[in-house]
Amino acid sequence: MTAVEDYLQPEGGWRQPVETRLPPPPPSQRGVAFRAISGVSRLFGREELPRIFPVLNTNRRLFWPWLWFASRLMPFGRLPADLREKLILRTAWHCRSRYEWGQHVEIALSAGVSDADIVALATGHDDADPSHAAALRACDDLCREKLISDANWQVLAGHFKPAALVEITVLVGHYEMVAGLLINSGIDLEPSIDAVLADFNRRARDVRLA
């Protein structure tokens, strides 16, 4: 569990069981095909394989189809990378998943999302981009009510084509599902990503929003 309290936390704090319930299995139990993924992670600038992968690989029948499906959303989705990451972060915030939040703070910063953008996501400020603001309001509806309001849908549909509307809805739903596993597994962020999150939290204290 994190030893230092994060500067930004959702109302009620992060959801986390008292003890880790589904720890990542040791490398010797992960299978030859899975172990090859560890090398691939370094191609994306990661010092270590995210712990969610070996946890999901505990059920290999689900892991490999999930990996292909998830890759269609991230990193190979059709939404702009900055919007995609804002939506994932807002979903993680609603779900109160620190692991998902921390992982995607790091990815969002790499995709050009600013500290101020992330603070705005956490504090309920509207995004400066009208299309992003519409997508984030839809995300709020999906996470809270599962139904995007007629008014928000009308605005959203004015900015995005039908294929993107499907992708936005599926993206939020997918990361709600992933957050559920992450929260209930009780896994902690990798040290390198935790350090990125700690640096962000320090900078976030100085962000002033209009």
Protein backbone atom coordinates (compact mmCIF):
# COMPACT_ATOMS: atom_id res chain seq x y z
CA MET A 1 0.00 0.00 0.00
CA THR A 2 1.13 3.55 -0.61
CA ALA A 3 3.01 5.05 2.34
CA VAL A 4 2.56 8.70 1.30
CA GLU A 5 -0.92 10.17 0.92
CA ASP A 6 -1.59 11.45 -2.58
CA TYR A 7 -2.29 15.16 -2.90
CA LEU A 8 -5.27 14.44 -5.17
CA GLN A 9 -7.72 11.74 -4.11
CA PRO A 10 -11.36 11.09 -5.01
CA GLU A 11 -14.05 11.62 -2.41
CA GLY A 12 -13.86 8.68 -0.02
CA GLY A 13 -10.23 7.99 -0.96
CA TRP A 14 -8.82 5.22 -3.09
CA ARG A 15 -10.53 1.85 -2.89
CA GLN A 16 -8.15 -0.87 -1.72
CA PRO A 17 -8.49 -4.08 0.30
CA VAL A 18 -6.46 -4.42 3.48
CA GLU A 19 -4.19 -7.05 1.92
CA THR A 20 -3.23 -8.01 -1.63
CA ARG A 21 -5.67 -10.69 -2.77
CA LEU A 22 -4.27 -11.59 -6.19
CA PRO A 23 -0.52 -11.00 -6.19
CA PRO A 24 1.29 -11.31 -9.53
CA PRO A 25 2.51 -14.91 -9.86
CA PRO A 26 6.28 -15.42 -10.01
CA PRO A 27 7.91 -15.44 -13.48
CA SER A 28 8.39 -19.23 -13.39
CA GLN A 29 4.59 -19.65 -13.35
CA ARG A 30 3.75 -17.23 -16.16
CA GLY A 31 4.44 -19.37 -19.23
CA VAL A 32 6.96 -18.93 -22.04
CA ALA A 33 4.68 -16.87 -24.30
CA PHE A 34 3.82 -14.48 -21.49
CA ARG A 35 7.43 -13.99 -20.46
CA ALA A 36 8.16 -12.66 -23.95
CA ILE A 37 5.83 -9.73 -23.22
CA SER A 38 8.22 -8.47 -20.56
CA GLY A 39 10.73 -7.57 -23.26
CA VAL A 40 8.06 -5.85 -25.34
CA SER A 41 7.22 -3.53 -22.44
CA ARG A 42 10.69 -2.02 -22.68
CA LEU A 43 9.97 -0.99 -26.28
CA PHE A 44 7.30 1.33 -24.83
CA GLY A 45 9.76 2.86 -22.37
CA ARG A 46 8.62 0.87 -19.36
CA GLU A 47 11.23 -0.25 -16.85
CA GLU A 48 9.06 -3.17 -15.79
CA LEU A 49 5.96 -4.99 -16.96
CA PRO A 50 2.79 -3.53 -15.40
CA ARG A 51 1.57 -5.85 -12.66
CA ILE A 52 -1.91 -6.02 -14.12
CA PHE A 53 -0.61 -8.26 -16.92
CA PRO A 54 0.64 -11.18 -14.80
CA VAL A 55 -2.45 -10.89 -12.59
CA LEU A 56 -4.76 -11.18 -15.62
CA ASN A 57 -2.55 -13.96 -17.00
CA THR A 58 -3.57 -16.00 -13.96
CA ASN A 59 -6.52 -16.88 -16.22
CA ARG A 60 -4.76 -17.46 -19.55
CA ARG A 61 -7.98 -18.35 -21.35
CA LEU A 62 -9.16 -14.79 -20.75
CA PHE A 63 -5.81 -13.01 -20.84
CA TRP A 64 -4.85 -13.41 -24.49
CA PRO A 65 -8.26 -12.45 -25.98
CA TRP A 66 -8.42 -9.54 -23.52
CA LEU A 67 -4.95 -8.35 -24.54
CA TRP A 68 -5.94 -8.23 -28.21
CA PHE A 69 -9.24 -6.46 -27.45
CA ALA A 70 -7.65 -3.96 -25.05
CA SER A 71 -5.01 -3.09 -27.62
CA ARG A 72 -7.77 -2.01 -30.05
CA LEU A 73 -8.63 0.69 -27.50
CA MET A 74 -5.13 1.53 -26.26
CA PRO A 75 -2.66 2.11 -27.85
CA PHE A 76 -4.28 1.35 -31.24
CA GLY A 77 -7.61 3.11 -30.77
CA ARG A 78 -8.92 5.75 -33.14
CA LEU A 79 -9.58 8.44 -30.53
CA PRO A 80 -6.86 11.10 -30.11
CA ALA A 81 -4.39 9.86 -27.51
CA ASP A 82 -4.88 12.85 -25.21
CA LEU A 83 -8.68 12.44 -25.20
CA ARG A 84 -8.37 8.69 -24.68
CA GLU A 85 -6.16 9.23 -21.64
CA LYS A 86 -8.44 11.91 -20.19
CA LEU A 87 -11.37 9.50 -20.44
CA ILE A 88 -9.44 6.68 -18.81
CA LEU A 89 -8.27 8.97 -16.01
CA ARG A 90 -11.81 10.25 -15.38
CA THR A 91 -13.02 6.63 -15.27
CA ALA A 92 -10.26 5.66 -12.83
CA TRP A 93 -11.17 8.65 -10.67
CA HIS A 94 -14.85 7.68 -10.55
CA CYS A 95 -13.92 4.07 -9.75
CA ARG A 96 -11.37 5.24 -7.16
CA SER A 97 -8.70 2.94 -8.58
CA ARG A 98 -5.28 4.27 -7.63
CA TYR A 99 -3.47 1.73 -9.82
CA GLU A 100 -5.43 2.70 -12.95
CA TRP A 101 -5.08 6.40 -12.10
CA GLY A 102 -1.33 6.18 -11.54
CA GLN A 103 -0.64 4.14 -14.65
CA HIS A 104 -2.57 6.55 -16.83
CA VAL A 105 -1.20 9.71 -15.25
CA GLU A 106 2.15 8.48 -16.58
CA ILE A 107 0.72 7.59 -20.01
CA ALA A 108 -1.30 10.82 -20.22
CA LEU A 109 1.74 12.98 -19.52
CA SER A 110 3.58 11.13 -22.31
CA ALA A 111 0.61 11.79 -24.63
CA GLY A 112 0.79 15.54 -24.05
CA VAL A 113 -1.85 15.94 -21.34
CA SER A 114 -0.73 18.72 -19.00
CA ASP A 115 -0.61 18.77 -15.21
CA ALA A 116 -3.39 21.36 -15.29
CA ASP A 117 -5.54 19.10 -17.50
CA ILE A 118 -5.18 16.25 -15.01
CA VAL A 119 -5.93 18.46 -12.02
CA ALA A 120 -9.03 19.71 -13.86
CA LEU A 121 -10.13 16.11 -14.40
CA ALA A 122 -9.84 15.43 -10.69
CA THR A 123 -11.53 18.61 -9.52
CA GLY A 124 -14.49 18.71 -11.89
CA HIS A 125 -13.41 21.68 -14.02
CA ASP A 126 -14.54 21.68 -17.66
CA ASP A 127 -11.94 20.90 -20.30
CA ALA A 128 -10.91 23.83 -22.47
CA ASP A 129 -11.56 21.76 -25.63
CA PRO A 130 -15.35 21.65 -26.20
CA SER A 131 -15.24 18.16 -27.75
CA HIS A 132 -13.17 16.81 -24.85
CA ALA A 133 -15.51 18.48 -22.37
CA ALA A 134 -18.49 16.78 -24.05
CA ALA A 135 -16.78 13.39 -23.93
CA LEU A 136 -15.88 13.80 -20.26
CA ARG A 137 -19.46 14.74 -19.36
CA ALA A 138 -20.58 11.59 -21.16
CA CYS A 139 -17.99 9.63 -19.15
CA ASP A 140 -19.44 11.09 -15.94
CA ASP A 141 -22.93 9.95 -16.96
CA LEU A 142 -21.71 6.47 -17.87
CA CYS A 143 -19.85 6.00 -14.60
CA ARG A 144 -22.62 7.41 -12.41
CA GLU A 145 -25.84 6.42 -14.21
CA LYS A 146 -24.81 4.10 -17.08
CA LEU A 147 -26.98 6.26 -19.37
CA ILE A 148 -25.67 9.36 -21.07
CA SER A 149 -28.33 12.05 -20.69
CA ASP A 150 -30.18 13.15 -23.83
CA ALA A 151 -28.70 16.63 -23.54
CA ASN A 152 -25.14 15.37 -23.17
CA TRP A 153 -25.60 12.83 -25.97
CA GLN A 154 -26.82 15.53 -28.34
CA VAL A 155 -23.71 17.65 -27.65
CA LEU A 156 -21.43 14.61 -27.87
CA ALA A 157 -22.93 13.50 -31.19
CA GLY A 158 -22.32 16.99 -32.53
CA HIS A 159 -18.58 16.48 -32.08
CA PHE A 160 -18.06 12.78 -32.90
CA LYS A 161 -19.09 10.37 -35.63
CA PRO A 162 -21.00 7.18 -34.72
CA ALA A 163 -17.88 4.99 -34.72
CA ALA A 164 -16.22 7.31 -32.21
CA LEU A 165 -19.37 7.35 -30.07
CA VAL A 166 -19.14 3.56 -29.85
CA GLU A 167 -15.44 3.74 -29.01
CA ILE A 168 -15.95 6.33 -26.27
CA THR A 169 -18.68 4.25 -24.65
CA VAL A 170 -16.73 0.98 -24.88
CA LEU A 171 -13.52 2.62 -23.66
CA VAL A 172 -15.17 3.86 -20.47
CA GLY A 173 -16.90 0.55 -19.88
CA HIS A 174 -13.71 -1.40 -20.44
CA TYR A 175 -11.72 0.64 -17.96
CA GLU A 176 -14.51 0.39 -15.40
CA MET A 177 -14.18 -3.39 -15.72
CA VAL A 178 -10.39 -3.27 -15.44
CA ALA A 179 -10.64 -0.99 -12.40
CA GLY A 180 -12.85 -3.57 -10.72
CA LEU A 181 -10.17 -6.23 -11.08
CA LEU A 182 -7.41 -3.87 -10.03
CA ILE A 183 -9.24 -2.73 -6.91
CA ASN A 184 -10.16 -6.23 -5.83
CA SER A 185 -6.72 -7.70 -6.55
CA GLY A 186 -5.16 -5.12 -4.24
CA ILE A 187 -1.98 -4.78 -6.31
CA ASP A 188 0.19 -1.69 -5.83
CA LEU A 189 1.72 0.48 -8.50
CA GLU A 190 5.16 -0.46 -9.73
CA PRO A 191 7.86 1.64 -7.98
CA SER A 192 8.81 3.50 -11.17
CA ILE A 193 5.19 4.52 -11.85
CA ASP A 194 4.60 5.37 -8.20
CA ALA A 195 7.56 7.76 -8.45
CA VAL A 196 6.00 9.43 -11.51
CA LEU A 197 2.72 9.82 -9.61
CA ALA A 198 4.54 11.25 -6.57
CA ASP A 199 6.27 13.82 -8.80
CA PHE A 200 2.95 14.73 -10.39
CA ASN A 201 1.31 15.17 -6.97
CA ARG A 202 4.08 17.53 -5.92
CA ARG A 203 3.62 19.63 -9.06
CA ALA A 204 -0.17 19.53 -8.77
CA ARG A 205 -0.01 21.52 -5.54
CA ASP A 206 1.15 24.52 -7.57
CA VAL A 207 -1.50 24.24 -10.31
CA ARG A 208 -4.03 27.06 -10.20
CA LEU A 209 -7.17 26.69 -12.30
CA ALA A 210 -9.42 29.54 -13.39
